[in-house]
């Protein structure tokens, strides 16, 4: 059976068009990190728990914030 050639071409065009739309990158304002939050179990950072660091970021934040997690077992 199969599809007629015109229908195959149509489906390919739709498929690649859809893939192109999904694969587009969005510019979020560059790589400028405005704040770095350090999480360290030994107390050498701003927080000892990862969730507390996440919760410290305001809800309507529109700036890049980096959370640096020092090595350790976080539960």
N, C-alpha and C. Protein backbone atom coordinates (compact mmCIF):
# COMPACT_ATOMS: atom_id res chain seq x y z
N UNK A 1 0.84 -1.17 0.00
CA UNK A 1 0.00 0.00 0.00
C UNK A 1 0.89 1.24 0.00
N UNK A 2 0.82 2.03 1.01
CA UNK A 2 1.66 3.22 1.09
C UNK A 2 0.93 4.47 0.65
N UNK A 3 1.62 5.57 0.82
CA UNK A 3 1.07 6.87 0.45
C UNK A 3 1.50 7.24 -0.96
N UNK A 4 0.70 8.02 -1.68
CA UNK A 4 1.13 8.54 -2.98
C UNK A 4 2.32 9.47 -2.80
N UNK A 5 3.19 9.64 -3.81
CA UNK A 5 4.39 10.47 -3.68
C UNK A 5 4.11 11.90 -3.21
N UNK A 6 3.03 12.52 -3.69
CA UNK A 6 2.73 13.89 -3.28
C UNK A 6 2.43 13.95 -1.78
N UNK A 7 1.75 12.96 -1.27
CA UNK A 7 1.39 12.93 0.14
C UNK A 7 2.64 12.68 1.00
N UNK A 8 3.56 11.86 0.51
CA UNK A 8 4.82 11.62 1.23
C UNK A 8 5.61 12.91 1.35
N UNK A 9 5.70 13.65 0.26
CA UNK A 9 6.44 14.92 0.27
C UNK A 9 5.78 15.90 1.23
N UNK A 10 4.46 15.96 1.20
CA UNK A 10 3.73 16.85 2.10
C UNK A 10 4.02 16.50 3.56
N UNK A 11 3.98 15.22 3.89
CA UNK A 11 4.26 14.78 5.27
C UNK A 11 5.69 15.10 5.67
N UNK A 12 6.64 14.93 4.76
CA UNK A 12 8.03 15.27 5.07
C UNK A 12 8.20 16.75 5.33
N UNK A 13 7.55 17.58 4.53
CA UNK A 13 7.64 19.03 4.73
C UNK A 13 7.06 19.42 6.08
N UNK A 14 5.92 18.86 6.42
CA UNK A 14 5.29 19.14 7.72
C UNK A 14 6.20 18.67 8.85
N UNK A 15 6.75 17.47 8.73
CA UNK A 15 7.62 16.91 9.77
C UNK A 15 8.85 17.78 10.00
N UNK A 16 9.57 18.14 8.93
CA UNK A 16 10.78 18.95 9.09
C UNK A 16 10.46 20.36 9.54
N UNK A 17 9.33 20.89 9.11
CA UNK A 17 8.92 22.21 9.59
C UNK A 17 8.64 22.19 11.08
N UNK A 18 8.00 21.15 11.54
CA UNK A 18 7.71 20.99 12.97
C UNK A 18 9.01 20.83 13.76
N UNK A 19 9.94 20.03 13.26
CA UNK A 19 11.23 19.84 13.94
C UNK A 19 12.00 21.16 14.01
N UNK A 20 11.93 21.95 12.96
CA UNK A 20 12.63 23.24 12.95
C UNK A 20 12.07 24.16 14.03
N UNK A 21 10.76 24.18 14.19
CA UNK A 21 10.14 25.04 15.21
C UNK A 21 10.50 24.58 16.62
N UNK A 22 10.58 23.29 16.84
CA UNK A 22 10.91 22.78 18.17
C UNK A 22 12.37 23.00 18.52
N UNK A 23 13.25 23.00 17.53
CA UNK A 23 14.68 23.07 17.79
C UNK A 23 15.25 24.47 17.88
N UNK A 24 14.42 25.49 17.79
CA UNK A 24 14.92 26.86 17.82
C UNK A 24 15.34 27.24 19.23
N UNK A 25 16.50 27.87 19.34
CA UNK A 25 17.00 28.33 20.63
C UNK A 25 16.36 29.66 20.99
N UNK A 26 16.23 29.91 22.27
CA UNK A 26 15.67 31.17 22.75
C UNK A 26 16.77 31.92 23.48
N UNK A 27 16.97 33.18 23.14
CA UNK A 27 17.97 34.00 23.81
C UNK A 27 17.39 34.51 25.12
N UNK A 28 18.02 34.14 26.20
CA UNK A 28 17.54 34.54 27.53
C UNK A 28 18.37 35.66 28.12
N UNK A 29 19.03 36.44 27.31
CA UNK A 29 19.74 37.59 27.83
C UNK A 29 21.23 37.37 28.04
N UNK A 30 21.79 36.35 27.44
CA UNK A 30 23.23 36.16 27.53
C UNK A 30 23.65 35.30 28.70
N UNK A 31 24.94 35.32 28.96
CA UNK A 31 25.52 34.46 29.99
C UNK A 31 25.84 35.23 31.27
N UNK A 32 25.24 36.38 31.45
CA UNK A 32 25.57 37.22 32.61
C UNK A 32 24.85 36.71 33.85
N UNK A 33 25.61 36.09 34.75
CA UNK A 33 25.05 35.59 36.01
C UNK A 33 25.07 36.74 37.01
N UNK A 34 23.91 37.08 37.56
CA UNK A 34 23.84 38.22 38.48
C UNK A 34 24.10 37.82 39.92
N UNK A 35 23.94 36.54 40.24
CA UNK A 35 24.11 36.11 41.63
C UNK A 35 24.57 34.66 41.65
N UNK A 36 25.51 34.35 42.51
CA UNK A 36 25.97 32.97 42.70
C UNK A 36 25.68 32.59 44.15
N UNK A 37 24.93 31.52 44.31
CA UNK A 37 24.60 31.01 45.64
C UNK A 37 25.38 29.72 45.84
N UNK A 38 26.13 29.64 46.94
CA UNK A 38 26.94 28.46 47.22
C UNK A 38 26.26 27.63 48.30
N UNK A 39 26.13 26.33 48.01
CA UNK A 39 25.57 25.38 48.98
C UNK A 39 26.72 24.48 49.43
N UNK A 40 26.92 24.39 50.75
CA UNK A 40 28.01 23.59 51.30
C UNK A 40 27.56 22.98 52.62
N UNK A 41 27.70 21.68 52.75
CA UNK A 41 27.27 20.99 53.97
C UNK A 41 28.08 21.40 55.19
N UNK A 42 29.30 21.83 54.99
CA UNK A 42 30.17 22.19 56.11
C UNK A 42 29.95 23.63 56.58
N UNK A 43 29.06 24.36 55.93
CA UNK A 43 28.77 25.73 56.34
C UNK A 43 29.64 26.78 55.68
N UNK A 44 30.40 26.41 54.64
CA UNK A 44 31.27 27.37 53.96
C UNK A 44 30.56 28.07 52.81
N UNK A 45 29.25 27.95 52.76
CA UNK A 45 28.47 28.60 51.72
C UNK A 45 27.32 29.38 52.33
N UNK A 46 26.47 29.90 51.48
CA UNK A 46 25.32 30.66 51.97
C UNK A 46 24.27 29.73 52.59
N UNK A 47 24.21 28.49 52.12
CA UNK A 47 23.21 27.54 52.61
C UNK A 47 23.84 26.16 52.78
N UNK A 48 23.24 25.35 53.67
CA UNK A 48 23.67 23.97 53.85
C UNK A 48 22.75 23.00 53.11
N UNK A 49 21.59 23.48 52.68
CA UNK A 49 20.62 22.63 52.00
C UNK A 49 20.28 23.22 50.63
N UNK A 50 20.21 22.35 49.62
CA UNK A 50 19.94 22.79 48.25
C UNK A 50 18.56 23.45 48.15
N UNK A 51 17.56 22.87 48.79
CA UNK A 51 16.20 23.42 48.70
C UNK A 51 16.14 24.83 49.28
N UNK A 52 16.90 25.09 50.34
CA UNK A 52 16.92 26.44 50.91
C UNK A 52 17.51 27.45 49.93
N UNK A 53 18.52 27.03 49.18
CA UNK A 53 19.10 27.91 48.16
C UNK A 53 18.09 28.20 47.07
N UNK A 54 17.37 27.18 46.63
CA UNK A 54 16.35 27.37 45.60
C UNK A 54 15.24 28.29 46.11
N UNK A 55 14.81 28.06 47.34
CA UNK A 55 13.73 28.87 47.92
C UNK A 55 14.14 30.32 48.13
N UNK A 56 15.43 30.60 48.19
CA UNK A 56 15.88 31.97 48.42
C UNK A 56 15.75 32.86 47.19
N UNK A 57 15.51 32.26 46.03
CA UNK A 57 15.36 33.03 44.79
C UNK A 57 13.91 33.50 44.70
N UNK A 58 13.73 34.79 44.49
CA UNK A 58 12.38 35.36 44.46
C UNK A 58 11.58 34.78 43.29
N UNK A 59 10.28 34.70 43.45
CA UNK A 59 9.40 34.07 42.45
C UNK A 59 9.45 34.74 41.09
N UNK A 60 9.42 36.04 41.02
CA UNK A 60 9.38 36.74 39.74
C UNK A 60 10.76 37.15 39.26
N UNK A 61 11.77 36.41 39.61
CA UNK A 61 13.14 36.72 39.21
C UNK A 61 13.29 36.61 37.69
N UNK A 62 13.95 37.61 37.09
CA UNK A 62 14.21 37.55 35.64
C UNK A 62 15.70 37.66 35.34
N UNK A 63 16.53 37.35 36.33
CA UNK A 63 17.98 37.39 36.19
C UNK A 63 18.54 35.98 36.36
N UNK A 64 19.71 35.74 35.74
CA UNK A 64 20.37 34.44 35.88
C UNK A 64 20.94 34.31 37.29
N UNK A 65 20.63 33.21 37.95
CA UNK A 65 21.17 32.90 39.27
C UNK A 65 21.82 31.53 39.18
N UNK A 66 23.08 31.45 39.60
CA UNK A 66 23.79 30.17 39.58
C UNK A 66 23.82 29.62 41.00
N UNK A 67 23.44 28.36 41.15
CA UNK A 67 23.56 27.69 42.45
C UNK A 67 24.71 26.70 42.33
N UNK A 68 25.80 27.02 43.03
CA UNK A 68 26.98 26.15 43.02
C UNK A 68 26.87 25.21 44.21
N UNK A 69 26.87 23.91 43.94
CA UNK A 69 26.72 22.91 44.99
C UNK A 69 28.06 22.22 45.20
N UNK A 70 28.64 22.44 46.37
CA UNK A 70 29.91 21.80 46.70
C UNK A 70 29.67 20.30 46.92
N UNK A 71 30.73 19.48 46.73
CA UNK A 71 30.58 18.03 46.86
C UNK A 71 30.06 17.62 48.24
N UNK A 72 29.28 16.56 48.26
CA UNK A 72 28.75 16.04 49.50
C UNK A 72 27.51 15.22 49.23
N UNK A 73 26.99 14.60 50.28
CA UNK A 73 25.74 13.84 50.16
C UNK A 73 24.61 14.71 50.67
N UNK A 74 23.72 15.07 49.77
CA UNK A 74 22.58 15.90 50.13
C UNK A 74 21.33 15.03 50.07
N UNK A 75 20.58 14.99 51.16
CA UNK A 75 19.39 14.16 51.21
C UNK A 75 18.17 14.99 51.48
